[in-house]
Amino acid sequence: MADFLALLHRLIETPSLSKQENKTADLIEEYLKERGLIPHRYGNNVWIKSRQWRDDNPTILLNSHHDTVKAAAGYTRDPHKAEVIDGKLYGLGSNDAGGALVSLIAAFVILENDPTLNCNLLLAATAEEEISGPNGIAALLPILPPIDAGIVGEPTLLDLAVAERGLVVIDGETMGKSGHAARKEGINALYLALDDIAAIRDHTFCRPGEQLGPTSAAVTVIASGTQHNVVPDRCTFVIDLRVNEAYTNEEAVAELQAVCKSAKLTPRSLRLQSSHIRADHPLLRAALRARPSAKQYGSPTLSDQALLPFTTLKVGPGDSARSHTADEFIYVREIEEAVDFYTRLLREL
């Protein structure tokens, strides 16, 4: 078994829920040290610079995560037992995103001391991706050297996710005036909210996205009232706003606020921005040379790509449809193909 596949077996068999990734961080750190490298540790994030480093070369981040979600209730096998059956490697985190992570690590080890490489490599195996937590890539970025572009390892079937939707969760609130329901007194905050919710439902965002289609907003939670005979003076609701590459999160929230007559909209966070890569960007062009058959698409799923303030390309082995499912698996051949692809892509830069 290739040593990077052995690493994935060990990662699968070591529980690493978000915020509890210290043991898998130890494994990654140990793996790099065993190969004569000197990794750095920041919390549960492990990062390392290539030894062939030139200040006049562009710096490429190789990033994936080693935290996992909880095992789905429908597992029929031990989620922390790594086993290969008919070419499938089973285990929690095998597909999301252990396969991509060990493939990037393998490509880094192969290339990091190659004097012919035309870029600096910066590998970061990060924590808390599954919860977009504050102690993952967001905490690590301020201590890393300047980065020109990045590869984000996630399961994409080695197709190229050239754009990714941003996410804003918004709390809406309308205020009315309480009164007795029988006498039709007061101002009903629930009715005010329903008018604005209808406006949100019917609103078409004015900027279409080339890769991601329209920005969309859905009201998913509503709460109001205290008892049947009291006109409610307050109503709250929650909006799930998915932002395309034509908007910043701030712009999309402002456009939504403008269609509301009564509701005050308060975003919980604006940090999970949409992303996209230009068609002529050297990273995308290198990826297409390395894999001419790769499809380009806009990704509906969120990743740490949303937290990276430079151009990134999301690509990796495995299938997003297998993520967070019972009896999660990845094909061994997918990982082997990814190592080859990442290596050729980086040589093409």
Foldseek 3Di string as FASTA:
>chain_A
DPVLVVLLLVLQLDAAAFVRNQVNLVSVCVVQVVLVAHWDDDRSKIKGKFPLDDPPFAEEEEEAESHFHDADPPAPDPQNGFDADPQKTWHTCAQRFSLQLSLSVLLCSVPSHPNLFRHIYMYMHWGDFVPLDCRTPVVVVVVDDDHAEYEYEHADQQFWAQKEWFKWKKKKKFFKFKDFQVVPDIGARVVLVVVLQVLLVPDWDDDAAPFPGTKHKHWDDKDFDDDDGMRTGMIMTMMITIHTPVDQQVVVVVVSVVSRDGMDMDTPDRQQTMAGDDPPDLLNVLLCVLPVVHHYHHDHDGGCVSRDPHHYIYGAHHHPVQGSHHRRIGRPVSSVVSSSSVNSSSRSD
